[in-house]
């Protein structure tokens, strides 16, 4: 049931959003040199790695210029990238990950291997399900970059404070998981984006 829902949502979403996806792709190319998409390894269900797709919001060599955490007014973020992040439009290409079966529409957000290994015992529980485009933590930490921007050591704060809370929320999702709850999370996500 969940997989059927995911495929329908991803296919319909990509179809309806095609004009926006094309416009965003054009704006990214006009704004800065480099590819339209950003890909990065994330850990999926049962620790299976996959490449996550996002619209590129940073300069092409961003990983070499800074850490894995994006904080505040990160100088690596492009002009159009700031708007895409603020409106969460950079996440839309993950609908392709859903079609491929790497992700679900709703589920715990996928993390990079480094952080998953730091909390492996927790992720042994969390990664029994496919990661998702949105979840409880996505709403709770929708201003994550701003929070980290106020820290002297953003990566340290992420590992010691924010990630443990995200793990707690991911486990809460697992315990409450149902088709109806996924619909509730989707509606709350939509409302949060519209409010922005």
C-alpha atoms as a PDB file:
ATOM      1  CA  UNK A   1       0.000   0.000   0.000  1.00  0.00           C
ATOM      2  CA  UNK A   2       2.726   2.489   0.992  1.00  0.00           C
ATOM      3  CA  UNK A   3       4.815   1.727  -2.115  1.00  0.00           C
ATOM      4  CA  UNK A   4       1.795   2.151  -4.410  1.00  0.00           C
ATOM      5  CA  UNK A   5       1.004   5.475  -2.734  1.00  0.00           C
ATOM      6  CA  UNK A   6       4.638   6.591  -3.107  1.00  0.00           C
ATOM      7  CA  UNK A   7       4.777   5.765  -6.814  1.00  0.00           C
ATOM      8  CA  UNK A   8       1.480   7.521  -7.543  1.00  0.00           C
ATOM      9  CA  UNK A   9       2.451  10.616  -5.524  1.00  0.00           C
ATOM     10  CA  UNK A  10       5.911  10.825  -7.126  1.00  0.00           C
ATOM     11  CA  UNK A  11       4.630  10.303 -10.676  1.00  0.00           C
ATOM     12  CA  UNK A  12       1.773  12.795 -10.332  1.00  0.00           C
ATOM     13  CA  UNK A  13       4.050  15.265  -8.537  1.00  0.00           C
ATOM     14  CA  UNK A  14       6.695  15.148 -11.258  1.00  0.00           C
ATOM     15  CA  UNK A  15       4.041  15.526 -13.955  1.00  0.00           C
ATOM     16  CA  UNK A  16       2.311  18.500 -12.329  1.00  0.00           C
ATOM     17  CA  UNK A  17       5.553  20.185 -11.288  1.00  0.00           C
ATOM     18  CA  UNK A  18       7.324  19.853 -14.649  1.00  0.00           C
ATOM     19  CA  UNK A  19       7.007  23.609 -15.500  1.00  0.00           C
ATOM     20  CA  UNK A  20       8.445  24.551 -12.077  1.00  0.00           C
ATOM     21  CA  UNK A  21      11.251  21.984 -12.372  1.00  0.00           C
ATOM     22  CA  UNK A  22      12.212  23.342 -15.801  1.00  0.00           C
ATOM     23  CA  UNK A  23      12.105  26.949 -14.590  1.00  0.00           C
ATOM     24  CA  UNK A  24      14.249  26.158 -11.541  1.00  0.00           C
ATOM     25  CA  UNK A  25      16.748  24.302 -13.740  1.00  0.00           C
ATOM     26  CA  UNK A  26      17.031  27.348 -16.008  1.00  0.00           C
ATOM     27  CA  UNK A  27      17.471  29.742 -13.069  1.00  0.00           C
ATOM     28  CA  UNK A  28      20.243  27.585 -11.588  1.00  0.00           C
ATOM     29  CA  UNK A  29      22.122  27.549 -14.912  1.00  0.00           C
ATOM     30  CA  UNK A  30      21.735  31.319 -15.296  1.00  0.00           C
ATOM     31  CA  UNK A  31      22.800  32.024 -11.716  1.00  0.00           C
ATOM     32  CA  UNK A  32      26.077  30.099 -11.548  1.00  0.00           C
ATOM     33  CA  UNK A  33      28.235  27.684 -13.518  1.00  0.00           C
ATOM     34  CA  UNK A  34      27.929  23.990 -12.770  1.00  0.00           C
ATOM     35  CA  UNK A  35      25.352  21.202 -12.923  1.00  0.00           C
ATOM     36  CA  UNK A  36      21.654  21.651 -12.200  1.00  0.00           C
ATOM     37  CA  UNK A  37      21.536  18.749  -9.772  1.00  0.00           C
ATOM     38  CA  UNK A  38      23.510  17.923  -6.645  1.00  0.00           C
ATOM     39  CA  UNK A  39      23.917  14.269  -5.708  1.00  0.00           C
ATOM     40  CA  UNK A  40      25.297  12.814  -2.504  1.00  0.00           C
ATOM     41  CA  UNK A  41      25.522   9.389  -0.942  1.00  0.00           C
ATOM     42  CA  UNK A  42      22.965   8.768   1.782  1.00  0.00           C
ATOM     43  CA  UNK A  43      22.119   5.646   3.736  1.00  0.00           C
ATOM     44  CA  UNK A  44      18.854   3.945   2.821  1.00  0.00           C
ATOM     45  CA  UNK A  45      16.778   1.089   4.104  1.00  0.00           C
ATOM     46  CA  UNK A  46      18.827  -1.679   5.749  1.00  0.00           C
ATOM     47  CA  UNK A  47      21.959   0.492   5.360  1.00  0.00           C
ATOM     48  CA  UNK A  48      21.866   0.326   1.563  1.00  0.00           C
ATOM     49  CA  UNK A  49      23.623   3.441   0.211  1.00  0.00           C
ATOM     50  CA  UNK A  50      22.031   5.438  -2.603  1.00  0.00           C
ATOM     51  CA  UNK A  51      22.546   8.762  -4.388  1.00  0.00           C
ATOM     52  CA  UNK A  52      20.070  11.426  -3.307  1.00  0.00           C
ATOM     53  CA  UNK A  53      19.010  14.054  -5.873  1.00  0.00           C
ATOM     54  CA  UNK A  54      18.582  17.730  -5.088  1.00  0.00           C
ATOM     55  CA  UNK A  55      18.659  20.943  -7.047  1.00  0.00           C
ATOM     56  CA  UNK A  56      22.136  22.419  -6.647  1.00  0.00           C
ATOM     57  CA  UNK A  57      22.023  25.376  -4.239  1.00  0.00           C
ATOM     58  CA  UNK A  58      25.769  25.797  -3.690  1.00  0.00           C
ATOM     59  CA  UNK A  59      28.852  26.476  -5.773  1.00  0.00           C
ATOM     60  CA  UNK A  60      30.027  23.336  -7.627  1.00  0.00           C
ATOM     61  CA  UNK A  61      33.040  22.646  -5.374  1.00  0.00           C
ATOM     62  CA  UNK A  62      31.145  23.269  -2.107  1.00  0.00           C
ATOM     63  CA  UNK A  63      32.180  19.977  -0.386  1.00  0.00           C
ATOM     64  CA  UNK A  64      35.845  20.887  -0.836  1.00  0.00           C
ATOM     65  CA  UNK A  65      35.292  24.410   0.529  1.00  0.00           C
ATOM     66  CA  UNK A  66      33.471  23.481   3.739  1.00  0.00           C
ATOM     67  CA  UNK A  67      31.990  20.787   5.958  1.00  0.00           C
ATOM     68  CA  UNK A  68      28.948  18.542   5.581  1.00  0.00           C
ATOM     69  CA  UNK A  69      26.768  20.920   7.608  1.00  0.00           C
ATOM     70  CA  UNK A  70      25.297  24.091   6.102  1.00  0.00           C
ATOM     71  CA  UNK A  71      24.967  26.921   8.604  1.00  0.00           C
ATOM     72  CA  UNK A  72      23.429  30.387   8.437  1.00  0.00           C
ATOM     73  CA  UNK A  73      24.614  32.639   5.615  1.00  0.00           C
ATOM     74  CA  UNK A  74      27.002  30.011   4.254  1.00  0.00           C
ATOM     75  CA  UNK A  75      29.050  31.758   1.530  1.00  0.00           C
ATOM     76  CA  UNK A  76      28.919  28.577  -0.575  1.00  0.00           C
ATOM     77  CA  UNK A  77      25.184  29.042  -1.189  1.00  0.00           C
ATOM     78  CA  UNK A  78      24.318  30.684  -4.515  1.00  0.00           C
ATOM     79  CA  UNK A  79      21.868  33.559  -4.882  1.00  0.00           C
ATOM     80  CA  UNK A  80      19.079  31.428  -6.321  1.00  0.00           C
ATOM     81  CA  UNK A  81      20.089  28.660  -3.919  1.00  0.00           C
ATOM     82  CA  UNK A  82      19.014  30.730  -0.925  1.00  0.00           C
ATOM     83  CA  UNK A  83      15.464  31.001  -2.288  1.00  0.00           C
ATOM     84  CA  UNK A  84      15.318  27.332  -3.261  1.00  0.00           C
ATOM     85  CA  UNK A  85      16.355  26.297   0.241  1.00  0.00           C
ATOM     86  CA  UNK A  86      13.976  28.730   1.919  1.00  0.00           C
ATOM     87  CA  UNK A  87      11.031  27.387  -0.101  1.00  0.00           C
ATOM     88  CA  UNK A  88      12.303  23.760   0.097  1.00  0.00           C
ATOM     89  CA  UNK A  89      12.137  23.561  -3.699  1.00  0.00           C
ATOM     90  CA  UNK A  90      15.637  22.056  -3.754  1.00  0.00           C
ATOM     91  CA  UNK A  91      14.108  18.835  -2.373  1.00  0.00           C
ATOM     92  CA  UNK A  92      11.718  18.250  -5.318  1.00  0.00           C
ATOM     93  CA  UNK A  93      14.129  16.072  -7.380  1.00  0.00           C
ATOM     94  CA  UNK A  94      13.876  13.480  -4.598  1.00  0.00           C
ATOM     95  CA  UNK A  95      10.594  12.478  -6.231  1.00  0.00           C
ATOM     96  CA  UNK A  96      12.932  10.633  -8.649  1.00  0.00           C
ATOM     97  CA  UNK A  97      14.429   8.780  -5.667  1.00  0.00           C
ATOM     98  CA  UNK A  98      10.909   7.780  -4.669  1.00  0.00           C
ATOM     99  CA  UNK A  99      10.167   6.405  -8.144  1.00  0.00           C
ATOM    100  CA  UNK A 100      13.433   4.446  -8.070  1.00  0.00           C
ATOM    101  CA  UNK A 101      12.511   2.932  -4.712  1.00  0.00           C
ATOM    102  CA  UNK A 102      15.356   4.572  -2.756  1.00  0.00           C
ATOM    103  CA  UNK A 103      12.968   6.683  -0.707  1.00  0.00           C
ATOM    104  CA  UNK A 104       9.348   7.125   0.360  1.00  0.00           C
ATOM    105  CA  UNK A 105       7.382  10.353   0.279  1.00  0.00           C
ATOM    106  CA  UNK A 106       7.127  10.251   4.087  1.00  0.00           C
ATOM    107  CA  UNK A 107       9.787   8.664   6.282  1.00  0.00           C
ATOM    108  CA  UNK A 108      12.862   9.488   8.382  1.00  0.00           C
ATOM    109  CA  UNK A 109      15.166  11.846   6.518  1.00  0.00           C
ATOM    110  CA  UNK A 110      18.233  10.079   5.042  1.00  0.00           C
ATOM    111  CA  UNK A 111      21.612  10.864   6.586  1.00  0.00           C
ATOM    112  CA  UNK A 112      25.183  10.649   5.319  1.00  0.00           C
ATOM    113  CA  UNK A 113      27.180   7.543   6.190  1.00  0.00           C
ATOM    114  CA  UNK A 114      29.427   9.381   8.702  1.00  0.00           C
ATOM    115  CA  UNK A 115      26.540  10.370  10.976  1.00  0.00           C
ATOM    116  CA  UNK A 116      24.718   7.072  10.595  1.00  0.00           C
ATOM    117  CA  UNK A 117      27.802   5.223  11.802  1.00  0.00           C
ATOM    118  CA  UNK A 118      28.059   7.520  14.843  1.00  0.00           C
ATOM    119  CA  UNK A 119      24.573   6.409  15.917  1.00  0.00           C
ATOM    120  CA  UNK A 120      24.519   2.969  14.293  1.00  0.00           C
ATOM    121  CA  UNK A 121      22.456   1.232  16.976  1.00  0.00           C
ATOM    122  CA  UNK A 122      19.711   3.861  16.595  1.00  0.00           C
ATOM    123  CA  UNK A 123      19.772   3.590  12.816  1.00  0.00           C
ATOM    124  CA  UNK A 124      19.469  -0.181  12.983  1.00  0.00           C
ATOM    125  CA  UNK A 125      15.921   0.543  14.131  1.00  0.00           C
ATOM    126  CA  UNK A 126      15.280   3.593  11.946  1.00  0.00           C
ATOM    127  CA  UNK A 127      16.537   2.057   8.703  1.00  0.00           C
ATOM    128  CA  UNK A 128      14.061  -0.797   8.867  1.00  0.00           C
ATOM    129  CA  UNK A 129      11.995   1.568   6.701  1.00  0.00           C
ATOM    130  CA  UNK A 130      12.849   3.632   3.646  1.00  0.00           C
ATOM    131  CA  UNK A 131      13.932   7.221   4.295  1.00  0.00           C
ATOM    132  CA  UNK A 132      11.556   9.944   3.168  1.00  0.00           C
ATOM    133  CA  UNK A 133      11.333  13.386   1.602  1.00  0.00           C
ATOM    134  CA  UNK A 134       9.553  14.724   4.660  1.00  0.00           C
ATOM    135  CA  UNK A 135       9.044  13.652   8.263  1.00  0.00           C
ATOM    136  CA  UNK A 136       8.491  15.065  11.733  1.00  0.00           C
ATOM    137  CA  UNK A 137      12.070  16.361  11.919  1.00  0.00           C
ATOM    138  CA  UNK A 138      11.695  18.200   8.597  1.00  0.00           C
ATOM    139  CA  UNK A 139       9.013  20.362  10.154  1.00  0.00           C
ATOM    140  CA  UNK A 140      10.604  20.676  13.585  1.00  0.00           C
ATOM    141  CA  UNK A 141      13.965  21.726  12.100  1.00  0.00           C
ATOM    142  CA  UNK A 142      12.837  23.629   9.024  1.00  0.00           C
ATOM    143  CA  UNK A 143      15.082  26.509  10.190  1.00  0.00           C
ATOM    144  CA  UNK A 144      18.050  24.229  10.891  1.00  0.00           C
ATOM    145  CA  UNK A 145      20.582  26.279   8.900  1.00  0.00           C
ATOM    146  CA  UNK A 146      19.675  29.418  10.855  1.00  0.00           C
ATOM    147  CA  UNK A 147      20.006  27.548  14.160  1.00  0.00           C
ATOM    148  CA  UNK A 148      23.427  26.231  13.207  1.00  0.00           C
ATOM    149  CA  UNK A 149      24.453  29.671  11.977  1.00  0.00           C
ATOM    150  CA  UNK A 150      24.213  30.928  15.551  1.00  0.00           C
ATOM    151  CA  UNK A 151      26.675  28.300  16.791  1.00  0.00           C
ATOM    152  CA  UNK A 152      30.425  28.683  17.161  1.00  0.00           C
ATOM    153  CA  UNK A 153      30.857  25.087  15.983  1.00  0.00           C
ATOM    154  CA  UNK A 154      27.880  24.165  13.768  1.00  0.00           C
ATOM    155  CA  UNK A 155      28.942  20.575  13.114  1.00  0.00           C
ATOM    156  CA  UNK A 156      29.506  19.903  16.808  1.00  0.00           C
ATOM    157  CA  UNK A 157      26.063  21.275  17.652  1.00  0.00           C
ATOM    158  CA  UNK A 158      24.498  19.201  14.896  1.00  0.00           C
ATOM    159  CA  UNK A 159      26.043  15.949  16.146  1.00  0.00           C
ATOM    160  CA  UNK A 160      25.510  16.563  19.859  1.00  0.00           C
ATOM    161  CA  UNK A 161      22.148  18.332  19.888  1.00  0.00           C
ATOM    162  CA  UNK A 162      20.173  18.350  16.631  1.00  0.00           C
ATOM    163  CA  UNK A 163      20.888  14.874  15.265  1.00  0.00           C
ATOM    164  CA  UNK A 164      19.943  13.095  18.527  1.00  0.00           C
ATOM    165  CA  UNK A 165      16.638  14.995  18.485  1.00  0.00           C
ATOM    166  CA  UNK A 166      16.091  14.033  14.834  1.00  0.00           C
ATOM    167  CA  UNK A 167      16.721  10.411  15.768  1.00  0.00           C
ATOM    168  CA  UNK A 168      14.148  10.692  18.548  1.00  0.00           C
ATOM    169  CA  UNK A 169      11.598  12.113  16.090  1.00  0.00           C
ATOM    170  CA  UNK A 170      12.398   9.386  13.549  1.00  0.00           C
ATOM    171  CA  UNK A 171      11.670   6.745  16.181  1.00  0.00           C
ATOM    172  CA  UNK A 172       8.444   8.533  17.077  1.00  0.00           C
ATOM    173  CA  UNK A 173       7.451   8.345  13.406  1.00  0.00           C
ATOM    174  CA  UNK A 174       8.179   4.602  13.361  1.00  0.00           C
ATOM    175  CA  UNK A 175       5.988   4.020  16.405  1.00  0.00           C
ATOM    176  CA  UNK A 176       3.109   6.062  14.963  1.00  0.00           C
ATOM    177  CA  UNK A 177       3.584   4.974  11.347  1.00  0.00           C
ATOM    178  CA  UNK A 178       0.405   4.347   9.355  1.00  0.00           C
ATOM    179  CA  UNK A 179      -1.120   5.452   6.063  1.00  0.00           C
ATOM    180  CA  UNK A 180      -3.277   8.013   7.891  1.00  0.00           C
ATOM    181  CA  UNK A 181      -0.300   9.388   9.817  1.00  0.00           C
ATOM    182  CA  UNK A 182       1.654   9.786   6.549  1.00  0.00           C
ATOM    183  CA  UNK A 183      -1.224  11.874   5.175  1.00  0.00           C
ATOM    184  CA  UNK A 184      -1.162  14.040   8.313  1.00  0.00           C
ATOM    185  CA  UNK A 185       2.608  14.592   7.971  1.00  0.00           C
ATOM    186  CA  UNK A 186       2.194  15.485   4.286  1.00  0.00           C
ATOM    187  CA  UNK A 187      -0.559  18.005   5.030  1.00  0.00           C
ATOM    188  CA  UNK A 188       1.461  19.600   7.831  1.00  0.00           C
ATOM    189  CA  UNK A 189       4.468  19.837   5.508  1.00  0.00           C
ATOM    190  CA  UNK A 190       2.356  21.510   2.823  1.00  0.00           C
ATOM    191  CA  UNK A 191       0.944  24.016   5.336  1.00  0.00           C
ATOM    192  CA  UNK A 192       4.453  24.808   6.649  1.00  0.00           C
ATOM    193  CA  UNK A 193       5.735  25.462   3.111  1.00  0.00           C
ATOM    194  CA  UNK A 194       2.759  27.656   2.212  1.00  0.00           C
ATOM    195  CA  UNK A 195       3.246  29.688   5.391  1.00  0.00           C
ATOM    196  CA  UNK A 196       6.842  30.385   4.386  1.00  0.00           C
END
